[in-house]
Amino acid sequence: MTDTALPGLFLGQSLADDGAQPQVLRFDRANRHGVVAGATGTGKTVTLQIMAQGFSDAGVPVFCADVKGDLSGISQAGSPNEKLLARAADMGLTLNPRAAPTVFWDLYGQRGHPIRTTVSEIGPLLLARMLDLNEVQEGVLSVAFHVADQEGLLLLDLDDLRSLLAYVGENAERIGREVGNVAPVSIAAIQRSLLQLEQQGGKAFFGEPALRLEDMMRTGLDGRGQVNVLAADKLMSSPRLYAAFLLWLLSELFEQLPEIGDPEKPRLVFFFDEAHLLFRDAPKALLEKVEQVVRLIRSKGVGVYFITQNPADIPDSVLAQLGNRIQHALRAYTPAEQRGLKAASESFRANPAFNTAEAIQALGVGEAVVSILDEKGAPSVVARTRIRPPESRLGPATDAERAQTLAASPVRGLYDTPVNSESAHEILTGRREDAQAADLKARADAQAQEEAEAEAKAQAKADAQAEKAAQTAARAAERDRLARERAAARTAPRARASNRQTPMEALTKSVLRTAGSTLTREILRGVLGGMKRR
């Protein structure tokens, strides 16, 4: 028996008293979603690897997260040991060791091609989930996104969001009148959460070039679908970032892919490893978003499979959408574990041949109880099943093998170099610089005007002082002139006030006339006497 002889993905063979039966996940029902559950070390990762390679062989692209690094071995051909060869022989399966066409991705760009998206595409709901914001802070974040839409500000990376929040804070009074109160303390809290996200390496996730979904939905020339493996070992230390990224990817698929109903095989199969991280402490709005996407994305031809330790980790509203179920062993030592075991066993269609809860506890490594949808979409009776061995390597790829796979990647060079386009940060920084330049110019103009006015005042004051000095000098000169005139007036003989002579004047004149007459006669007598003698 080979995979090509079956109308679906061969998972393994059931263990039954009446003979073994193949357990085949039908491709035309694979978009009805599913769950792979089980305790640590029971074989969930191997089952995921088998399913991923099986879908790839059928021409279906696959996306899965490699939480522990083990799944990277899907990129290398397997080397089955005697135990695996014996298991394959018992199932009538011919193993053909080969690698799956693999593309490695990494949000941090260290162990795979970088995955980026923009802040706008993430949106306020998922971003609030990443930042662990409360309702008030989430409301402020929504206001910031609204302002960005209204003012045409592109939000590409975290620098854009930081600049936008600073802008909203600076204009809180005006924005508050339009869309509601914006408290500075909430903006400060969001800024601190952004800093924590950056410290966890989340800054590399936001930016350009943003991931194009078609680069994850490639089919090779050999007809096999591309297996996209996300390096998530480091990402698991930031569970909110991991959960929000996976939900964003699902949301993007839902928004961009057209409706196709139930295709013969899915367009893409999506595996959520460590699914409990997606739902842990998730707000109601986020759970509703997950439920909506899982319920509706089926019609887009996308199958979603959750990998978790216990189905109880998944909310009932989501679990009800998962038709294909593979349950590995669970241990029930505590009351909580016993309740989880009961819930897991009751989620299967009962098999009268055995007790499902007891069977789940008795499963060995590489065994599971399986219920899959039949051609009518109804779940099959649960069956104890030995999971088939994989054809790719069990265990991680080496660093050299990973590097070789990256070098041969069909998307090599498309995302490796970040691009810094003009967006909100550059625009708001430019506005701020322009405003600062205008403010400096206004201050310089005001200072120049003040200096001109001060100079004019000083000149007017100097002119006034000069005029005052001139007036003072003129007054002094006038005083000097008057003083000189008074002095001159005191030294000069006083003119007679009338023609009337005083007695003294009459006497003086009489004496002078007498003297004059006498003198005249003496002169004349002398002259004439001399003349006569001649």
Protein backbone atom coordinates (compact mmCIF):
# COMPACT_ATOMS: atom_id res chain seq x y z
CA MET A 1 0.00 0.00 0.00
CA THR A 2 1.22 3.49 -0.84
CA ASP A 3 -0.12 6.93 -0.17
CA THR A 4 -1.14 7.37 -3.80
CA ALA A 5 -3.48 4.39 -3.56
CA LEU A 6 -5.65 6.23 -1.07
CA PRO A 7 -8.07 9.18 -1.56
CA GLY A 8 -6.46 11.10 1.24
CA LEU A 9 -3.67 11.31 3.75
CA PHE A 10 -2.73 7.95 5.26
CA LEU A 11 -2.36 8.44 9.02
CA GLY A 12 -1.91 4.83 10.10
CA GLN A 13 -3.80 1.65 10.80
CA SER A 14 -6.41 1.01 13.41
CA LEU A 15 -5.88 -1.61 16.08
CA ALA A 16 -8.99 -3.79 16.13
CA ASP A 17 -9.83 -7.38 16.89
CA ASP A 18 -11.60 -7.73 13.55
CA GLY A 19 -8.55 -6.64 11.55
CA ALA A 20 -6.56 -3.52 10.91
CA GLN A 21 -8.15 -0.75 8.85
CA PRO A 22 -6.37 2.23 7.28
CA GLN A 23 -7.16 5.59 8.82
CA VAL A 24 -7.22 8.12 5.98
CA LEU A 25 -7.83 11.85 6.32
CA ARG A 26 -9.84 12.73 3.24
CA PHE A 27 -8.46 15.70 1.31
CA ASP A 28 -11.95 16.92 0.42
CA ARG A 29 -12.74 17.13 4.15
CA ALA A 30 -9.38 18.44 5.29
CA ASN A 31 -10.65 22.03 5.26
CA ARG A 32 -13.04 21.12 8.07
CA HIS A 33 -10.13 21.63 10.48
CA GLY A 34 -8.83 19.36 13.20
CA VAL A 35 -6.92 18.92 16.43
CA VAL A 36 -3.88 16.86 17.41
CA ALA A 37 -3.61 16.51 21.18
CA GLY A 38 -1.56 14.57 23.66
CA ALA A 39 0.85 14.79 26.54
CA THR A 40 4.48 15.74 26.03
CA GLY A 41 6.50 12.93 24.45
CA THR A 42 3.56 10.96 23.07
CA GLY A 43 4.25 11.69 19.38
CA LYS A 44 2.34 14.86 18.50
CA THR A 45 5.27 16.40 16.60
CA VAL A 46 5.77 13.23 14.53
CA THR A 47 2.07 13.20 13.67
CA LEU A 48 2.27 16.84 12.65
CA GLN A 49 5.32 16.04 10.48
CA ILE A 50 3.53 13.14 8.81
CA MET A 51 0.48 15.27 8.07
CA ALA A 52 2.55 18.20 6.78
CA GLN A 53 4.50 16.00 4.37
CA GLY A 54 1.36 14.17 3.31
CA PHE A 55 -0.41 17.39 2.39
CA SER A 56 2.73 18.60 0.60
CA ASP A 57 2.85 15.41 -1.48
CA ALA A 58 -0.75 16.06 -2.48
CA GLY A 59 0.18 19.55 -3.75
CA VAL A 60 -1.14 21.44 -0.73
CA PRO A 61 1.07 24.19 0.77
CA VAL A 62 1.52 23.93 4.53
CA PHE A 63 2.39 26.35 7.31
CA CYS A 64 3.53 25.06 10.69
CA ALA A 65 5.45 26.33 13.70
CA ASP A 66 8.56 24.51 14.90
CA VAL A 67 8.41 25.05 18.62
CA LYS A 68 11.20 22.71 19.74
CA GLY A 69 13.29 22.65 16.56
CA ASP A 70 12.45 19.00 15.81
CA LEU A 71 10.19 19.77 12.88
CA SER A 72 13.08 21.21 10.84
CA GLY A 73 14.00 17.61 9.98
CA ILE A 74 11.17 17.61 7.44
CA SER A 75 13.62 19.40 5.13
CA GLN A 76 15.88 16.31 5.07
CA ALA A 77 15.38 12.78 3.82
CA GLY A 78 14.77 10.26 6.57
CA SER A 79 16.94 7.34 7.60
CA PRO A 80 14.41 4.86 8.98
CA ASN A 81 15.72 2.36 11.51
CA GLU A 82 14.68 -1.25 11.73
CA LYS A 83 11.82 -0.45 14.08
CA LEU A 84 10.32 2.08 11.67
CA LEU A 85 10.82 -0.22 8.70
CA ALA A 86 9.09 -3.01 10.58
CA ARG A 87 6.15 -0.76 11.43
CA ALA A 88 5.85 0.30 7.80
CA ALA A 89 5.94 -3.32 6.70
CA ASP A 90 3.18 -4.24 9.16
CA MET A 91 1.03 -1.53 7.55
CA GLY A 92 1.88 -2.66 4.02
CA LEU A 93 3.52 0.72 3.50
CA THR A 94 6.53 1.24 1.27
CA LEU A 95 8.72 3.99 2.69
CA ASN A 96 10.36 6.34 0.23
CA PRO A 97 12.79 8.44 2.33
CA ARG A 98 12.76 12.00 0.99
CA ALA A 99 12.68 15.56 2.13
CA ALA A 100 9.72 17.88 1.79
CA PRO A 101 10.20 21.16 -0.16
CA THR A 102 10.81 23.38 2.86
CA VAL A 103 11.13 27.13 3.38
CA PHE A 104 12.32 28.30 6.79
CA TRP A 105 10.91 31.49 8.29
CA ASP A 106 11.77 33.38 11.46
CA LEU A 107 10.15 36.52 12.88
CA TYR A 108 13.60 37.56 14.10
CA GLY A 109 15.33 36.78 10.80
CA GLN A 110 17.95 34.57 12.46
CA ARG A 111 17.04 30.98 11.53
CA GLY A 112 14.94 31.68 8.48
CA HIS A 113 13.66 34.36 6.15
CA PRO A 114 12.30 37.35 8.09
CA ILE A 115 8.55 37.65 8.39
CA ARG A 116 7.29 41.19 8.57
CA THR A 117 3.98 42.91 8.56
CA THR A 118 2.94 46.47 9.12
CA VAL A 119 1.37 47.97 12.22
CA SER A 120 -1.68 48.92 10.14
CA GLU A 121 -2.22 45.33 9.01
CA ILE A 122 -2.00 44.02 12.57
CA GLY A 123 -4.65 46.50 13.71
CA PRO A 124 -5.46 47.79 17.20
CA LEU A 125 -7.13 44.59 18.49
CA LEU A 126 -4.22 42.22 17.90
CA LEU A 127 -1.70 44.88 18.82
CA ALA A 128 -3.47 45.45 22.12
CA ARG A 129 -3.24 41.69 22.68
CA MET A 130 0.51 41.79 21.98
CA LEU A 131 1.00 44.70 24.37
CA ASP A 132 -1.31 43.31 27.08
CA LEU A 133 -3.29 46.54 27.26
CA ASN A 134 -6.40 47.10 29.35
CA GLU A 135 -9.68 48.30 27.85
CA VAL A 136 -8.94 52.00 28.38
CA GLN A 137 -5.48 51.71 26.81
CA GLU A 138 -6.91 49.68 23.94
CA GLY A 139 -9.43 52.48 23.38
CA VAL A 140 -6.63 55.06 23.22
CA LEU A 141 -4.79 52.83 20.74
CA SER A 142 -7.93 52.68 18.59
CA VAL A 143 -8.11 56.49 18.69
CA ALA A 144 -4.49 56.64 17.49
CA PHE A 145 -5.30 54.35 14.54
CA HIS A 146 -8.33 56.53 13.74
CA VAL A 147 -6.16 59.65 13.71
CA ALA A 148 -3.68 57.92 11.41
CA ASP A 149 -6.49 57.04 8.98
CA GLN A 150 -7.91 60.55 9.07
CA GLU A 151 -4.58 62.23 8.42
CA GLY A 152 -3.24 59.71 5.91
CA LEU A 153 -0.36 58.52 8.09
CA LEU A 154 1.05 55.11 7.18
CA LEU A 155 1.80 52.90 10.17
CA LEU A 156 4.52 50.51 9.07
CA ASP A 157 6.85 49.95 12.01
CA LEU A 158 7.02 50.66 15.73
CA ASP A 159 8.76 53.99 15.13
CA ASP A 160 5.65 55.09 13.26
CA LEU A 161 3.43 54.05 16.15
CA ARG A 162 5.65 55.80 18.69
CA SER A 163 5.61 59.03 16.69
CA LEU A 164 1.85 58.77 16.25
CA LEU A 165 1.27 58.30 19.99
CA ALA A 166 3.48 61.31 20.71
CA TYR A 167 1.50 63.34 18.17
CA VAL A 168 -1.80 62.25 19.74
CA GLY A 169 -0.49 63.22 23.17
CA GLU A 170 0.62 66.65 21.96
CA ASN A 171 -2.79 67.25 20.40
CA ALA A 172 -4.85 65.46 23.04
CA GLU A 173 -7.15 68.41 23.69
CA ARG A 174 -8.15 68.82 20.04
CA ILE A 175 -8.40 65.08 19.38
CA GLY A 176 -10.33 64.56 22.60
CA ARG A 177 -13.01 66.99 21.43
CA GLU A 178 -13.41 65.02 18.20
CA VAL A 179 -13.20 61.34 19.17
CA GLY A 180 -13.03 61.13 22.95
CA ASN A 181 -10.73 61.76 25.83
CA VAL A 182 -7.08 60.76 25.42
CA ALA A 183 -5.35 60.48 28.78
CA PRO A 184 -1.59 61.13 28.81
CA VAL A 185 -1.16 58.35 31.38
CA SER A 186 -2.64 55.82 28.91
CA ILE A 187 -0.31 56.96 26.16
CA ALA A 188 2.63 56.61 28.54
CA ALA A 189 1.51 53.07 29.44
CA ILE A 190 1.29 52.09 25.75
CA GLN A 191 4.75 53.53 25.12
CA ARG A 192 6.15 51.43 27.96
CA SER A 193 4.50 48.29 26.55
CA LEU A 194 6.01 49.06 23.16
CA LEU A 195 9.42 49.25 24.79
CA GLN A 196 8.89 45.82 26.35
CA LEU A 197 7.82 44.41 22.97
CA GLU A 198 10.99 45.82 21.41
CA GLN A 199 13.11 44.27 24.13
CA GLN A 200 11.53 40.89 23.32
CA GLY A 201 12.59 41.30 19.69
CA GLY A 202 9.18 42.28 18.38
CA LYS A 203 10.51 45.32 16.55
CA ALA A 204 11.86 43.12 13.74
CA PHE A 205 8.33 41.84 13.03
CA PHE A 206 7.03 45.26 11.98
CA GLY A 207 8.17 46.88 8.78
CA GLU A 208 8.69 46.31 5.09
CA PRO A 209 8.87 44.38 2.87
CA ALA A 210 5.75 42.82 4.33
CA LEU A 211 5.00 39.16 3.78
CA ARG A 212 3.02 38.31 0.66
CA LEU A 213 0.75 35.35 1.26
CA GLU A 214 1.37 33.96 -2.21
CA ASP A 215 4.99 33.36 -1.17
CA MET A 216 3.69 30.91 1.42
CA MET A 217 1.29 29.21 -0.97
CA ARG A 218 3.74 28.05 -3.61
CA THR A 219 3.67 24.74 -5.42
CA GLY A 220 6.88 23.41 -6.94
CA LEU A 221 7.46 22.15 -10.46
CA ASP A 222 7.13 18.60 -9.14
CA GLY A 223 3.59 19.40 -7.97
CA ARG A 224 4.38 19.26 -4.27
CA GLY A 225 3.24 22.01 -1.96
CA GLN A 226 5.73 24.16 -0.10
CA VAL A 227 6.14 23.40 3.61
CA ASN A 228 6.65 26.66 5.50
CA VAL A 229 8.37 26.04 8.84
CA LEU A 230 8.39 28.91 11.33
CA ALA A 231 11.30 28.83 13.78
CA ALA A 232 9.37 29.35 17.01
CA ASP A 233 11.80 28.15 19.68
CA LYS A 234 12.80 31.73 20.55
CA LEU A 235 9.37 33.08 19.73
CA MET A 236 7.80 30.96 22.45
CA SER A 237 9.36 33.27 25.05
CA SER A 238 7.00 35.95 23.72
CA PRO A 239 3.68 34.05 23.70
CA ARG A 240 1.57 37.13 22.98
CA LEU A 241 3.64 37.92 19.91
CA TYR A 242 3.40 34.31 18.77
CA ALA A 243 -0.37 34.13 19.24
CA ALA A 244 -1.04 37.49 17.63
CA PHE A 245 1.18 36.64 14.65
CA LEU A 246 -0.60 33.35 13.98
CA LEU A 247 -4.02 34.95 14.29
CA TRP A 248 -2.92 37.79 12.01
CA LEU A 249 -1.79 35.28 9.40
CA LEU A 250 -5.15 33.50 9.56
CA SER A 251 -6.99 36.82 9.34
CA GLU A 252 -4.97 37.84 6.28
CA LEU A 253 -5.79 34.53 4.60
CA PHE A 254 -9.45 35.01 5.39
CA GLU A 255 -9.51 38.55 4.00
CA GLN A 256 -7.50 37.92 0.84
CA LEU A 257 -8.57 34.49 -0.37
CA PRO A 258 -11.77 34.13 -2.43
CA GLU A 259 -14.65 31.87 -1.51
CA ILE A 260 -14.38 28.39 -3.05
CA GLY A 261 -16.60 26.27 -0.79
CA ASP A 262 -15.40 22.69 -0.26
CA PRO A 263 -12.56 22.00 -2.74
CA GLU A 264 -11.17 18.59 -3.65
CA LYS A 265 -8.17 19.45 -1.53
CA PRO A 266 -7.31 22.48 0.60
CA ARG A 267 -5.52 25.49 -0.79
CA LEU A 268 -3.46 25.71 2.41
CA VAL A 269 -3.23 23.80 5.68
CA PHE A 270 -2.31 25.72 8.79
CA PHE A 271 -0.97 24.07 11.95
CA PHE A 272 -1.21 25.94 15.29
CA ASP A 273 1.39 24.31 17.55
CA GLU A 274 1.15 25.04 21.30
CA ALA A 275 -2.38 26.29 20.63
CA HIS A 276 -3.07 26.91 24.30
CA LEU A 277 -0.88 30.02 24.04
CA LEU A 278 -3.39 31.51 21.64
CA PHE A 279 -6.26 31.22 24.09
CA ARG A 280 -4.57 31.72 27.46
CA ASP A 281 -5.90 34.88 29.11
CA ALA A 282 -7.33 35.99 25.79
CA PRO A 283 -9.99 38.74 25.99
CA LYS A 284 -13.49 38.02 24.80
CA ALA A 285 -13.09 40.13 21.68
CA LEU A 286 -10.04 38.13 20.62
CA LEU A 287 -11.75 34.79 21.24
CA GLU A 288 -14.67 35.94 19.12
CA LYS A 289 -12.21 36.87 16.37
CA VAL A 290 -10.57 33.44 16.49
CA GLU A 291 -13.93 31.68 16.42
CA GLN A 292 -15.08 33.79 13.48
CA VAL A 293 -11.96 33.17 11.45
CA VAL A 294 -11.90 29.42 12.12
CA ARG A 295 -15.59 29.09 11.30
CA LEU A 296 -15.50 31.08 8.07
CA ILE A 297 -12.06 30.36 6.65
CA ARG A 298 -13.15 26.83 5.78
CA SER A 299 -15.02 28.23 2.79
CA LYS A 300 -11.76 29.82 1.61
CA GLY A 301 -10.23 26.37 1.26
CA VAL A 302 -7.97 26.67 4.31
CA GLY A 303 -7.70 23.91 6.88
CA VAL A 304 -6.67 24.82 10.43
CA TYR A 305 -5.24 22.22 12.81
CA PHE A 306 -4.54 22.97 16.47
CA ILE A 307 -1.71 21.09 18.20
CA THR A 308 -2.03 21.11 21.98
CA GLN A 309 -1.65 18.94 25.05
CA ASN A 310 -5.32 18.73 25.89
CA PRO A 311 -8.42 19.60 23.85
CA ALA A 312 -9.69 21.37 26.95
CA ASP A 313 -7.12 24.09 26.19
CA ILE A 314 -9.29 25.12 23.24
CA PRO A 315 -12.56 26.99 23.88
CA ASP A 316 -15.70 24.96 23.19
CA SER A 317 -16.85 27.43 20.53
CA VAL A 318 -13.65 26.74 18.57
CA LEU A 319 -13.39 23.04 19.42
CA ALA A 320 -16.85 22.50 17.93
CA GLN A 321 -15.46 23.55 14.50
CA LEU A 322 -12.74 20.87 14.52
CA GLY A 323 -14.01 17.77 12.69
CA ASN A 324 -10.82 15.69 12.36
CA ARG A 325 -9.38 14.60 15.71
CA ILE A 326 -6.21 12.77 16.65
CA GLN A 327 -5.69 12.18 20.35
CA HIS A 328 -2.42 10.81 21.69
CA ALA A 329 -2.00 9.55 25.23
CA LEU A 330 -3.08 11.61 28.22
CA ARG A 331 -2.21 10.97 31.82
CA ALA A 332 -4.80 11.67 34.50
CA TYR A 333 -3.16 11.82 37.91
CA THR A 334 -4.82 14.94 39.28
CA PRO A 335 -8.50 15.94 39.41
CA ALA A 336 -7.87 18.58 36.77
CA GLU A 337 -6.20 16.04 34.48
CA GLN A 338 -9.09 13.63 35.03
CA ARG A 339 -11.57 16.29 34.01
CA GLY A 340 -9.46 17.00 30.91
CA LEU A 341 -9.36 13.30 30.07
CA LYS A 342 -13.11 13.03 30.40
CA ALA A 343 -13.66 16.05 28.17
CA ALA A 344 -11.25 14.65 25.57
CA SER A 345 -12.90 11.22 25.49
CA GLU A 346 -16.39 12.67 25.27
CA SER A 347 -15.43 14.74 22.23
CA PHE A 348 -15.17 11.52 20.13
CA ARG A 349 -17.89 9.45 18.59
CA ALA A 350 -17.96 6.43 20.89
CA ASN A 351 -16.76 3.00 19.79
CA PRO A 352 -18.65 0.15 21.46
CA ALA A 353 -15.52 -2.00 21.28
CA PHE A 354 -13.62 -0.09 23.96
CA ASN A 355 -13.85 2.69 26.51
CA THR A 356 -12.37 5.81 24.96
CA ALA A 357 -11.11 7.32 28.22
CA GLU A 358 -9.35 4.10 29.20
CA ALA A 359 -7.92 3.73 25.70
CA ILE A 360 -6.45 7.24 25.76
CA GLN A 361 -4.61 6.48 29.00
CA ALA A 362 -3.30 3.16 27.68
CA LEU A 363 -1.88 4.50 24.40
CA GLY A 364 1.82 4.03 23.74
CA VAL A 365 4.20 6.38 21.97
CA GLY A 366 3.23 6.65 18.31
CA GLU A 367 -0.34 5.55 18.97
CA ALA A 368 -3.52 7.62 19.03
CA VAL A 369 -7.27 7.43 18.98
CA VAL A 370 -8.51 8.87 15.71
CA SER A 371 -11.84 10.14 14.42
CA ILE A 372 -11.97 11.67 10.96
CA LEU A 373 -14.75 12.96 8.73
CA ASP A 374 -16.19 10.62 6.12
CA GLU A 375 -17.38 11.49 2.62
CA LYS A 376 -20.61 12.89 4.08
CA GLY A 377 -18.79 15.07 6.58
CA ALA A 378 -19.79 12.96 9.57
CA PRO A 379 -17.18 11.94 12.17
CA SER A 380 -16.13 8.33 12.09
CA VAL A 381 -16.27 6.06 15.10
CA VAL A 382 -13.14 6.55 17.19
CA ALA A 383 -10.42 4.00 16.46
CA ARG A 384 -7.18 3.10 18.22
CA THR A 385 -4.51 3.73 15.60
CA ARG A 386 -0.80 3.13 15.09
CA ILE A 387 0.58 6.23 13.42
CA ARG A 388 2.60 5.59 10.29
CA PRO A 389 6.36 6.32 10.22
CA PRO A 390 7.53 9.47 8.42
CA GLU A 391 9.61 9.57 5.25
CA SER A 392 11.56 12.68 6.25
CA ARG A 393 14.03 12.82 9.10
CA LEU A 394 12.93 12.42 12.69
CA GLY A 395 14.81 15.11 14.57
CA PRO A 396 16.20 18.54 13.76
CA ALA A 397 18.21 19.64 10.76
CA THR A 398 21.75 20.79 11.41
CA ASP A 399 22.75 24.44 11.03
CA ALA A 400 24.61 23.60 7.83
CA GLU A 401 21.56 21.82 6.40
CA ARG A 402 19.34 24.72 7.38
CA ALA A 403 21.72 27.16 5.68
CA GLN A 404 21.75 25.00 2.55
CA THR A 405 17.95 24.94 2.49
CA LEU A 406 17.82 28.72 2.88
CA ALA A 407 20.32 29.19 0.04
CA ALA A 408 18.07 27.17 -2.28
CA SER A 409 14.87 28.87 -1.11
CA PRO A 410 12.49 30.21 -3.80
CA VAL A 411 12.05 33.42 -1.78
CA ARG A 412 15.76 34.01 -1.16
CA GLY A 413 16.54 37.74 -1.25
CA LEU A 414 12.90 38.88 -1.24
CA TYR A 415 12.63 39.64 2.47
CA ASP A 416 16.18 39.56 3.80
CA THR A 417 16.84 43.32 3.49
CA PRO A 418 14.49 45.70 5.33
CA VAL A 419 13.08 48.76 3.56
CA ASN A 420 12.39 52.04 5.33
CA SER A 421 9.62 53.80 3.39
CA GLU A 422 8.27 57.25 4.19
CA SER A 423 5.54 56.78 6.74
CA ALA A 424 4.09 58.33 9.89
CA HIS A 425 7.44 58.67 11.66
CA GLU A 426 9.08 60.51 8.77
CA ILE A 427 6.01 62.67 8.09
CA LEU A 428 5.46 63.65 11.71
CA THR A 429 9.18 64.20 12.23
CA GLY A 430 9.18 66.44 9.15
CA ARG A 431 6.18 68.34 10.47
CA ARG A 432 7.85 68.73 13.83
CA GLU A 433 11.06 69.94 12.23
CA ASP A 434 9.13 72.34 10.00
CA ALA A 435 7.24 73.62 13.03
CA GLN A 436 10.48 74.00 14.95
CA ALA A 437 12.08 75.80 12.01
CA ALA A 438 9.04 78.07 11.70
CA ASP A 439 9.12 78.67 15.44
CA LEU A 440 12.83 79.48 15.31
CA LYS A 441 12.23 81.83 12.37
CA ALA A 442 9.35 83.49 14.19
CA ARG A 443 11.54 83.88 17.26
CA ALA A 444 14.38 85.25 15.14
CA ASP A 445 11.99 87.67 13.42
CA ALA A 446 10.54 88.71 16.75
CA GLN A 447 14.02 89.17 18.18
CA ALA A 448 15.09 91.17 15.12
CA GLN A 449 11.97 93.30 15.45
CA GLU A 450 12.63 93.78 19.14
CA GLU A 451 16.23 94.76 18.38
CA ALA A 452 15.09 97.16 15.65
CA GLU A 453 12.54 98.67 17.99
CA ALA A 454 15.16 98.91 20.74
CA GLU A 455 17.59 100.52 18.31
CA ALA A 456 14.90 102.96 17.16
CA LYS A 457 14.10 103.75 20.78
CA ALA A 458 17.80 104.25 21.52
CA GLN A 459 18.18 106.51 18.50
CA ALA A 460 15.09 108.49 19.49
CA LYS A 461 16.45 108.78 22.98
CA ALA A 462 19.83 109.91 21.65
CA ASP A 463 18.13 112.43 19.36
CA ALA A 464 16.06 113.68 22.28
CA GLN A 465 19.14 113.96 24.42
CA ALA A 466 21.01 115.79 21.63
CA GLU A 467 18.09 118.16 21.16
CA LYS A 468 17.91 118.71 24.88
CA ALA A 469 21.65 119.35 25.00
CA ALA A 470 21.33 121.82 22.10
CA GLN A 471 18.48 123.58 23.86
CA THR A 472 20.52 123.67 27.05
CA ALA A 473 23.51 125.06 25.15
CA ALA A 474 21.31 127.63 23.44
CA ARG A 475 19.90 128.70 26.78
CA ALA A 476 23.40 128.89 28.23
CA ALA A 477 24.57 130.97 25.27
CA GLU A 478 21.59 133.24 25.68
CA ARG A 479 22.37 133.55 29.36
CA ASP A 480 26.00 134.36 28.54
CA ARG A 481 24.93 136.99 26.00
CA LEU A 482 22.60 138.57 28.45
CA ALA A 483 25.28 138.49 31.10
CA ARG A 484 27.75 140.17 28.78
CA GLU A 485 25.19 142.76 27.86
CA ARG A 486 24.49 143.44 31.51
CA ALA A 487 28.21 143.69 32.23
CA ALA A 488 28.69 146.03 29.30
CA ALA A 489 25.75 148.07 30.42
CA ARG A 490 27.29 148.46 33.89
CA THR A 491 30.69 149.76 32.55
CA ALA A 492 29.45 152.16 29.77
CA PRO A 493 28.44 155.92 30.62
CA ARG A 494 24.83 156.28 31.08
CA ALA A 495 23.24 158.47 28.43
CA ARG A 496 21.40 161.56 29.47
CA ALA A 497 17.83 160.98 29.94
CA SER A 498 16.88 164.61 28.70
CA ASN A 499 18.39 167.86 27.10
CA ARG A 500 18.14 169.82 30.28
CA GLN A 501 21.56 170.69 31.80
CA THR A 502 22.39 170.27 35.36
CA PRO A 503 24.12 173.23 37.14
CA MET A 504 27.36 171.33 37.14
CA GLU A 505 27.07 170.75 33.43
CA ALA A 506 26.41 174.49 32.87
CA LEU A 507 29.39 175.50 34.99
CA THR A 508 31.63 173.00 33.26
CA LYS A 509 30.56 174.20 29.85
CA SER A 510 31.08 177.86 30.90
CA VAL A 511 34.59 177.11 32.15
CA LEU A 512 35.39 175.21 29.03
CA ARG A 513 34.08 177.92 26.81
CA THR A 514 36.05 180.58 28.70
CA ALA A 515 39.18 178.47 28.57
CA GLY A 516 38.59 177.77 24.98
CA SER A 517 38.12 181.40 24.14
CA THR A 518 41.22 182.38 26.02
CA LEU A 519 43.23 179.67 24.40
CA THR A 520 41.98 180.68 21.05
CA ARG A 521 42.84 184.28 21.51
CA GLU A 522 46.31 183.42 22.71
CA ILE A 523 46.90 181.26 19.71
CA LEU A 524 45.59 183.84 17.33
CA ARG A 525 47.52 186.63 19.02
CA GLY A 526 50.66 184.62 18.75
CA VAL A 527 50.09 183.90 15.12
CA LEU A 528 48.98 187.34 14.17
CA GLY A 529 51.65 188.96 16.27
CA GLY A 530 54.27 187.04 14.49
CA MET A 531 52.80 188.04 11.21
CA LYS A 532 52.92 191.70 12.11
CA ARG A 533 56.53 191.66 13.07
CA ARG A 534 57.41 190.40 9.71
